[in-house]
């Protein structure tokens, strides 16, 4: 479904991503793990066209998309849930979710998807008239994921969904992420908790200093002594 070939991203003279190549198949959850500064978030931003790549190709569902505008990326079916959530703090929960559907005009289907999001996250339904800026961090993360789902994407890009959250909220967020995946959503996941990322995904890539150094089935990487020593604290 997603094919990234030779992706290269630089900030000034700093090479943040160095000609990486990877793929995500339809219906998979694939994790991208690595230390802070490895280039993971930059990779997602380049796919979503939030930033420009200086080289390489990105194909999605057979179409070359690496020169499209960000709103066209959304229309093609890719939704980014950014690091830090990025909710609209002065809009209500309901208004934030409506913003997620801004590229759509199918009112009946939008209403059905809103009900589905509230089914995943009942707490959002309880707070639908509350300003997003007054929500807890975990509730804002729920809202960010829900907003992305409202675009009815074919693929979710999740950037650090557990960052800064209490363990019980991380558990709840990942229960929903797994449920969304079980419903057939394709997911590319960046997650600081490498163990959680590998336990949740089918395949994974390890990034170091802007390069992919290891890849394979997540279960195998969980048992890899080098991965365990570097990222699982063992």
Foldseek 3Di string as FASTA:
>chain_A
DKWWFQWWAADVPATQAGGETDDFDFLFEEEEEEDPSLNPLVVVCQLLVVDATPDTFMDDPRHTPRPPDNVVSLVQFEFEQHVVRPFDQQAFLQVSLVVLQVVDDPVVVLVVLLVVLCVLPVVCVVRRRPGLNPDDPLVSLSSSVSSPCSSVGQEYEYEASCPPHDPVSVVSVLVSVLVVSVVRHTYYYYHLQLVVSLVRGQKYFYGGSNYTDDIDGSVVLVVDPVSCVRRVVD
